[in-house]
N, C-alpha and C. Protein backbone atom coordinates (compact mmCIF):
# COMPACT_ATOMS: atom_id res chain seq x y z
N UNK A 1 87.39 59.87 165.15
CA UNK A 1 86.93 59.15 164.01
C UNK A 1 85.96 60.08 163.26
N UNK A 2 85.95 60.37 161.75
CA UNK A 2 84.85 61.13 161.73
C UNK A 2 83.46 60.49 161.79
N UNK A 3 82.71 60.76 161.30
CA UNK A 3 80.94 60.49 161.73
C UNK A 3 80.52 59.79 160.83
N UNK A 4 81.01 59.65 159.87
CA UNK A 4 81.23 58.57 158.18
C UNK A 4 81.48 57.07 159.33
N UNK A 5 82.05 56.47 159.26
CA UNK A 5 82.16 55.77 160.07
C UNK A 5 82.08 55.31 161.09
N UNK A 6 81.46 55.87 161.80
CA UNK A 6 80.38 55.51 162.93
C UNK A 6 78.75 54.87 162.12
N UNK A 7 78.50 54.17 163.40
CA UNK A 7 76.81 53.48 162.86
C UNK A 7 76.08 54.65 163.64
N UNK A 8 75.22 55.11 162.73
CA UNK A 8 73.84 55.90 163.35
C UNK A 8 73.47 54.79 164.39
N UNK A 9 73.24 56.12 165.61
CA UNK A 9 72.27 55.88 166.40
C UNK A 9 70.55 55.21 166.33
N UNK A 10 71.04 54.08 167.36
CA UNK A 10 69.23 53.30 166.49
C UNK A 10 69.70 52.70 165.55
N UNK A 11 70.28 52.60 164.90
CA UNK A 11 70.67 50.93 163.71
C UNK A 11 70.48 49.68 164.25
N UNK A 12 70.95 49.65 166.14
CA UNK A 12 70.53 48.23 166.19
C UNK A 12 68.95 48.03 166.67
N UNK A 13 68.03 48.81 167.07
CA UNK A 13 67.32 49.00 167.56
C UNK A 13 66.08 47.77 165.79
N UNK A 14 67.05 49.19 164.82
CA UNK A 14 66.21 48.84 163.19
C UNK A 14 66.56 47.15 163.56
N UNK A 15 67.90 46.67 162.87
CA UNK A 15 67.84 45.26 163.24
C UNK A 15 67.18 44.54 163.66
N UNK A 16 67.52 44.80 165.12
CA UNK A 16 66.55 43.65 166.05
C UNK A 16 65.12 43.70 165.09
N UNK A 17 63.89 44.46 165.45
CA UNK A 17 63.18 44.27 165.15
C UNK A 17 62.88 43.90 163.48
N UNK A 18 63.33 44.11 162.78
CA UNK A 18 63.56 43.02 161.38
C UNK A 18 63.65 41.94 161.70
N UNK A 19 64.76 41.71 161.93
CA UNK A 19 64.78 39.87 162.63
C UNK A 19 63.92 39.25 163.69
N UNK A 20 63.24 40.14 164.94
CA UNK A 20 62.26 39.87 165.13
C UNK A 20 60.84 39.34 164.29
N UNK A 21 60.98 40.11 163.01
CA UNK A 21 59.71 39.81 162.17
C UNK A 21 60.19 39.06 161.12
N UNK A 22 61.47 38.45 160.93
CA UNK A 22 61.90 37.45 160.50
C UNK A 22 61.55 35.71 160.99
N UNK A 23 61.79 36.22 161.76
CA UNK A 23 61.98 35.09 162.73
C UNK A 23 59.94 34.88 163.21
N UNK A 24 59.26 35.66 163.52
CA UNK A 24 57.95 35.88 163.42
C UNK A 24 57.24 34.67 162.88
N UNK A 25 57.81 35.53 161.39
CA UNK A 25 57.41 35.22 159.42
C UNK A 25 57.54 33.66 159.42
N UNK A 26 58.58 32.63 159.84
CA UNK A 26 59.32 32.04 159.37
C UNK A 26 58.69 30.27 160.80
N UNK A 27 58.31 31.37 162.07
CA UNK A 27 58.02 29.92 162.32
C UNK A 27 57.08 29.01 162.51
N UNK A 28 57.65 27.90 162.83
CA UNK A 28 56.74 27.29 163.02
C UNK A 28 55.67 27.49 163.35
N UNK A 29 54.09 27.19 162.57
CA UNK A 29 53.07 27.35 163.72
C UNK A 29 51.70 26.57 163.83
N UNK A 30 51.09 25.52 164.52
CA UNK A 30 50.10 24.42 164.15
C UNK A 30 48.96 25.34 162.66
N UNK A 31 48.36 24.25 162.60
CA UNK A 31 47.46 24.09 160.76
C UNK A 31 46.17 25.64 161.35
N UNK A 32 45.98 25.32 161.99
CA UNK A 32 44.75 27.02 162.52
C UNK A 32 45.61 27.78 162.22
N UNK A 33 46.83 28.48 163.10
CA UNK A 33 46.75 29.43 163.19
C UNK A 33 47.91 30.22 162.95
N UNK A 34 48.29 29.19 161.66
CA UNK A 34 48.76 30.15 159.94
C UNK A 34 47.73 30.85 159.80
N UNK A 35 45.91 31.07 159.87
CA UNK A 35 45.16 31.44 159.42
C UNK A 35 45.90 33.15 159.16
N UNK A 36 45.70 33.05 161.57
CA UNK A 36 45.88 34.52 161.80
C UNK A 36 47.62 35.10 161.56
N UNK A 37 48.37 34.55 161.35
CA UNK A 37 49.55 34.78 161.60
C UNK A 37 49.93 35.98 160.72
N UNK A 38 50.16 37.60 161.11
CA UNK A 38 50.12 38.89 160.35
C UNK A 38 51.66 38.63 159.27
N UNK A 39 51.01 39.39 158.55
CA UNK A 39 52.73 39.98 157.41
C UNK A 39 53.79 40.05 158.00
N UNK A 40 54.68 40.16 159.36
CA UNK A 40 55.35 40.75 159.73
C UNK A 40 56.11 41.50 159.61
N UNK A 41 57.11 41.01 158.62
CA UNK A 41 57.80 41.93 157.99
C UNK A 41 57.83 42.79 156.84
N UNK A 42 56.25 42.77 156.38
CA UNK A 42 55.63 44.28 155.98
C UNK A 42 54.96 44.74 156.52
N UNK A 43 54.98 44.81 157.96
CA UNK A 43 54.01 45.34 158.53
C UNK A 43 55.41 46.35 159.81
N UNK A 44 56.70 45.73 159.82
CA UNK A 44 57.32 46.23 160.63
C UNK A 44 58.57 46.91 158.81
N UNK A 45 58.38 46.57 157.60
CA UNK A 45 59.51 47.59 156.90
C UNK A 45 58.11 49.28 156.24
N UNK A 46 56.61 48.93 156.56
CA UNK A 46 55.78 49.99 156.65
C UNK A 46 56.68 50.82 157.76
N UNK A 47 55.98 50.21 158.77
CA UNK A 47 56.42 51.06 160.26
C UNK A 47 57.51 51.80 159.81
N UNK A 48 58.64 51.07 159.31
CA UNK A 48 60.66 52.04 159.36
C UNK A 48 60.87 53.05 158.62
N UNK A 49 59.47 52.61 157.13
CA UNK A 49 59.84 53.37 156.02
C UNK A 49 58.84 55.10 156.68
N UNK A 50 57.62 54.22 156.99
CA UNK A 50 57.52 55.91 157.37
C UNK A 50 58.55 57.20 158.93
N UNK A 51 58.95 56.12 159.73
CA UNK A 51 59.43 56.70 160.84
C UNK A 51 60.68 57.76 160.06
N UNK A 52 61.00 56.07 159.78
CA UNK A 52 62.47 56.98 158.84
C UNK A 52 63.28 56.45 157.82
N UNK A 53 62.56 57.56 157.36
CA UNK A 53 62.52 57.33 155.31
C UNK A 53 64.07 57.66 154.94
N UNK A 54 64.55 58.09 155.44
CA UNK A 54 65.74 58.34 155.21
C UNK A 54 66.70 57.00 155.16
N UNK A 55 66.42 56.65 156.43
CA UNK A 55 67.18 55.47 156.51
C UNK A 55 66.98 54.24 156.30
N UNK A 56 65.51 53.87 155.65
CA UNK A 56 65.42 52.44 155.15
C UNK A 56 64.38 52.65 154.34
N UNK A 57 64.72 52.06 152.94
CA UNK A 57 64.22 51.92 152.04
C UNK A 57 63.37 50.66 150.85
N UNK A 58 63.95 51.19 149.80
CA UNK A 58 63.33 49.69 149.56
C UNK A 58 64.70 49.16 148.85
N UNK A 59 65.73 49.28 148.83
CA UNK A 59 67.30 48.88 149.82
C UNK A 59 66.83 47.86 150.68
N UNK A 60 66.27 48.12 151.31
CA UNK A 60 66.49 47.50 152.75
C UNK A 60 64.88 46.13 152.16
N UNK A 61 63.78 47.03 151.58
CA UNK A 61 62.71 46.26 151.20
C UNK A 61 62.87 44.79 150.35
N UNK A 62 64.38 45.17 149.12
CA UNK A 62 64.62 44.19 148.60
C UNK A 62 66.25 43.06 149.53
N UNK A 63 66.49 43.32 150.05
CA UNK A 63 67.00 42.71 151.29
C UNK A 63 66.43 41.81 152.03
N UNK A 64 65.52 42.35 152.93
CA UNK A 64 64.37 41.34 153.63
C UNK A 64 63.90 40.55 152.32
N UNK A 65 62.97 40.72 151.48
CA UNK A 65 61.98 39.85 150.57
C UNK A 65 62.88 38.64 150.12
N UNK A 66 64.50 38.84 150.00
CA UNK A 66 65.49 37.64 148.99
C UNK A 66 65.90 37.40 150.96
N UNK A 67 66.36 37.70 151.44
CA UNK A 67 66.56 36.57 152.80
C UNK A 67 64.94 36.02 153.22
N UNK A 68 63.80 36.52 152.99
CA UNK A 68 62.85 35.56 153.72
C UNK A 68 62.76 34.91 151.95
N UNK A 69 62.60 34.95 151.15
CA UNK A 69 63.00 33.97 150.17
C UNK A 69 63.52 32.76 150.52
N UNK A 70 65.08 32.86 150.09
CA UNK A 70 65.89 32.05 151.58
C UNK A 70 65.55 31.23 152.50
N UNK A 71 64.77 32.33 153.02
CA UNK A 71 64.87 30.86 154.78
C UNK A 71 63.55 30.22 154.80
N UNK A 72 62.19 30.72 153.47
CA UNK A 72 61.16 30.04 153.40
C UNK A 72 60.93 28.15 152.19
N UNK A 73 61.95 29.10 151.37
CA UNK A 73 62.88 27.83 149.84
C UNK A 73 61.52 28.60 149.08
N UNK A 74 61.07 29.56 148.79
CA UNK A 74 60.09 30.25 148.10
C UNK A 74 60.77 30.52 146.58
N UNK A 75 59.99 31.09 144.95
CA UNK A 75 60.47 31.38 144.75
C UNK A 75 61.86 32.70 145.27
N UNK A 76 62.93 33.02 144.25
CA UNK A 76 63.74 34.09 144.69
C UNK A 76 62.70 35.28 143.90
N UNK A 77 62.42 36.19 144.92
CA UNK A 77 61.98 37.14 144.05
C UNK A 77 60.94 37.01 144.61
N UNK A 78 60.20 36.49 144.96
CA UNK A 78 58.38 36.60 145.45
C UNK A 78 58.81 37.01 146.48
N UNK A 79 59.15 37.21 147.33
CA UNK A 79 58.73 38.27 148.45
C UNK A 79 59.34 39.50 148.42
N UNK A 80 60.64 39.55 147.91
CA UNK A 80 61.65 40.85 147.11
C UNK A 80 60.95 41.94 146.53
N UNK A 81 59.97 41.67 145.14
CA UNK A 81 59.61 42.29 144.24
C UNK A 81 58.36 43.05 145.36
N UNK A 82 57.32 42.46 145.88
CA UNK A 82 56.46 42.78 147.02
C UNK A 82 57.03 44.01 147.82
N UNK A 83 58.36 43.74 148.25
CA UNK A 83 58.69 44.70 149.29
C UNK A 83 59.11 45.57 149.01
N UNK A 84 59.90 45.44 148.18
CA UNK A 84 60.87 46.85 147.76
C UNK A 84 59.21 47.51 147.04
N UNK A 85 58.49 47.44 146.22
CA UNK A 85 57.65 48.30 145.55
C UNK A 85 56.61 49.06 147.09
N UNK A 86 56.38 47.95 148.36
CA UNK A 86 55.38 48.98 148.91
C UNK A 86 57.07 49.79 150.11
N UNK A 87 58.12 49.37 149.79
CA UNK A 87 58.41 50.04 149.93
C UNK A 87 59.28 51.33 149.30
N UNK A 88 58.45 51.19 148.05
CA UNK A 88 59.29 52.37 147.25
C UNK A 88 57.56 53.71 146.98
N UNK A 89 56.29 52.62 147.75
CA UNK A 89 55.05 54.11 148.07
C UNK A 89 55.43 54.64 149.30
N UNK A 90 55.15 54.20 150.28
CA UNK A 90 55.39 54.54 151.34
C UNK A 90 56.80 55.24 151.43
N UNK A 91 57.90 55.40 150.55
CA UNK A 91 58.48 56.61 150.42
C UNK A 91 57.96 57.35 149.68
N UNK A 92 57.52 57.25 149.14
CA UNK A 92 56.88 58.64 148.00
C UNK A 92 55.53 59.03 148.70
N UNK A 93 54.63 58.01 149.93
CA UNK A 93 53.38 58.86 150.41
C UNK A 93 53.64 59.18 151.90
N UNK A 94 55.28 59.24 152.38
CA UNK A 94 55.46 58.90 154.19
C UNK A 94 54.55 60.39 154.71
N UNK A 95 55.22 61.81 153.86
CA UNK A 95 54.36 62.88 154.57
C UNK A 95 53.10 63.00 154.50
N UNK A 96 52.50 62.21 153.28
CA UNK A 96 50.99 62.49 153.44
C UNK A 96 50.95 61.66 154.68
N UNK A 97 51.27 60.74 155.17
CA UNK A 97 50.07 58.94 155.22
C UNK A 97 50.79 59.54 156.47
N UNK A 98 52.01 60.20 157.13
CA UNK A 98 52.49 60.39 158.97
C UNK A 98 50.56 62.10 159.23
N UNK A 99 50.54 62.13 158.88
CA UNK A 99 49.34 63.82 158.95
C UNK A 99 48.46 62.67 159.10
N UNK A 100 48.03 62.29 158.03
CA UNK A 100 46.09 61.37 158.02
C UNK A 100 45.91 60.97 159.75
N UNK A 101 44.07 60.96 160.24
CA UNK A 101 44.36 60.01 161.09
C UNK A 101 44.46 58.82 161.90
N UNK A 102 44.02 58.31 162.83
CA UNK A 102 44.97 56.48 162.20
C UNK A 102 43.97 56.06 162.04
N UNK A 103 43.06 55.83 162.10
CA UNK A 103 41.14 55.46 160.88
C UNK A 103 41.96 55.59 159.35
N UNK A 104 42.52 56.17 159.12
CA UNK A 104 43.38 56.05 157.14
C UNK A 104 44.73 55.56 157.27
N UNK A 105 45.27 55.76 158.53
CA UNK A 105 46.78 54.86 158.49
C UNK A 105 46.47 53.80 158.01
N UNK A 106 45.37 53.33 159.08
CA UNK A 106 45.23 51.50 159.19
C UNK A 106 44.76 51.49 157.80
N UNK A 107 43.95 51.85 157.20
CA UNK A 107 43.43 51.83 156.04
C UNK A 107 44.66 52.26 154.00
N UNK A 108 45.52 52.29 154.55
CA UNK A 108 47.42 52.99 153.64
C UNK A 108 47.56 51.65 154.26
N UNK A 109 47.33 50.78 155.18
CA UNK A 109 48.62 50.17 155.70
C UNK A 109 47.07 48.96 155.01
N UNK A 110 46.83 48.40 155.09
CA UNK A 110 45.54 47.35 154.57
C UNK A 110 45.52 47.74 153.35
N UNK A 111 45.76 48.53 152.24
CA UNK A 111 46.14 48.73 150.91
C UNK A 111 47.77 47.89 150.42
N UNK A 112 47.88 48.37 151.79
CA UNK A 112 50.17 48.14 151.40
C UNK A 112 49.67 46.43 151.50
N UNK A 113 49.29 46.18 152.80
CA UNK A 113 48.99 43.71 152.20
C UNK A 113 48.24 43.60 151.75
N UNK A 114 47.21 43.89 151.35
CA UNK A 114 46.48 43.63 149.79
C UNK A 114 47.90 43.26 149.04
N UNK A 115 48.64 44.61 148.26
CA UNK A 115 49.23 44.86 147.60
C UNK A 115 49.84 43.69 147.35
N UNK A 116 50.61 43.46 148.28
CA UNK A 116 51.56 42.34 149.17
C UNK A 116 50.99 40.62 148.90
N UNK A 117 50.12 40.68 149.13
CA UNK A 117 48.99 39.35 148.55
C UNK A 117 49.70 39.11 147.89
N UNK A 118 48.63 40.32 146.78
CA UNK A 118 48.28 40.61 145.16
C UNK A 118 49.69 40.29 144.39
N UNK A 119 51.03 40.79 144.32
CA UNK A 119 51.80 41.07 143.81
C UNK A 119 52.36 39.13 144.59
N UNK A 120 52.20 38.53 145.44
CA UNK A 120 52.32 37.19 145.71
C UNK A 120 52.14 36.40 145.52
N UNK A 121 50.38 36.25 145.17
CA UNK A 121 50.02 35.39 144.76
C UNK A 121 50.03 35.45 142.77
N UNK A 122 50.57 36.28 142.32
CA UNK A 122 50.82 36.27 141.22
C UNK A 122 51.76 36.22 140.68
N UNK A 123 52.76 36.09 141.72
CA UNK A 123 54.37 35.25 141.53
C UNK A 123 54.32 33.16 141.64
N UNK A 124 53.09 33.08 142.37
CA UNK A 124 53.19 32.22 143.27
C UNK A 124 51.97 31.52 141.96
N UNK A 125 51.63 32.31 141.65
CA UNK A 125 50.96 31.41 140.07
C UNK A 125 51.58 30.88 139.15
N UNK A 126 52.69 32.11 138.48
CA UNK A 126 53.82 32.03 138.09
C UNK A 126 54.55 30.61 137.93
N UNK A 127 54.79 31.16 138.89
CA UNK A 127 55.77 29.60 139.19
C UNK A 127 55.24 27.93 139.40
N UNK A 128 53.59 28.30 139.77
CA UNK A 128 53.31 27.19 138.89
C UNK A 128 52.71 26.81 140.51
N UNK A 129 52.94 27.74 141.73
CA UNK A 129 51.80 27.47 142.78
C UNK A 129 50.31 27.42 142.96
N UNK A 130 49.74 27.26 143.34
CA UNK A 130 48.62 27.75 143.70
C UNK A 130 48.53 27.96 144.05
N UNK A 131 47.12 29.20 144.67
CA UNK A 131 47.20 30.35 146.30
C UNK A 131 46.31 29.54 146.63
N UNK A 132 46.21 29.01 148.39
CA UNK A 132 45.16 29.00 149.05
C UNK A 132 43.57 29.08 148.71
N UNK A 133 43.07 30.48 148.48
CA UNK A 133 42.44 31.10 148.44
C UNK A 133 41.36 32.13 149.44
N UNK A 134 40.61 31.64 150.47
CA UNK A 134 40.37 32.45 151.68
C UNK A 134 41.17 32.86 152.79
N UNK A 135 42.22 32.02 152.88
CA UNK A 135 43.14 31.94 154.41
C UNK A 135 44.17 31.93 153.66
N UNK A 136 44.60 32.55 152.39
CA UNK A 136 45.96 33.44 152.07
C UNK A 136 45.53 34.86 152.10
N UNK A 137 44.64 35.10 152.14
CA UNK A 137 44.00 36.88 151.94
C UNK A 137 43.61 37.01 153.71
N UNK A 138 43.21 36.30 154.42
CA UNK A 138 43.26 36.03 155.80
C UNK A 138 43.61 37.33 156.83
N UNK A 139 44.91 36.77 156.76
CA UNK A 139 46.40 37.65 157.62
C UNK A 139 46.44 38.75 156.81
N UNK A 140 45.57 39.50 155.92
CA UNK A 140 45.77 40.30 155.75
C UNK A 140 45.24 41.42 156.16
N UNK A 141 43.86 41.15 156.41
CA UNK A 141 43.13 41.81 157.75
C UNK A 141 43.65 41.74 159.14
N UNK A 142 44.18 40.64 159.83
CA UNK A 142 44.18 40.39 161.29
C UNK A 142 45.61 41.37 161.20
N UNK A 143 46.38 41.40 159.85
CA UNK A 143 47.66 42.42 160.16
C UNK A 143 47.23 44.41 160.18
N UNK A 144 46.27 44.12 159.47
CA UNK A 144 46.04 45.60 159.83
C UNK A 144 45.12 46.31 160.50
């Protein structure tokens, strides 16, 4: 067989980590614990886009967003647009971010998580659903 027909090594690991992130994102939690739930899918997408930019990119981010929209019952595209944009920005800056010290990488991740939350808040506002307030943004701090 040619190498084009065979799956690449490590694909199962990538898929399993994304599935775990999606399960953690949609798993029901008590009301008090929802405030502390990190943005799992975004964090895993940033990690894999930094680690393997040739394999994980904008298409994966968009697909994960559509899947997350379908599972959570939100407006179609509410998660797809932010995750696509996060993947794009991470792809464009991955060579520089890899060289940053750990604290600067954390600031980069915080910025990406805040951008994802901001775009989600805008989509929720357009859809006519209000944003919860401080608790909506609190998960970003815990994620970073």
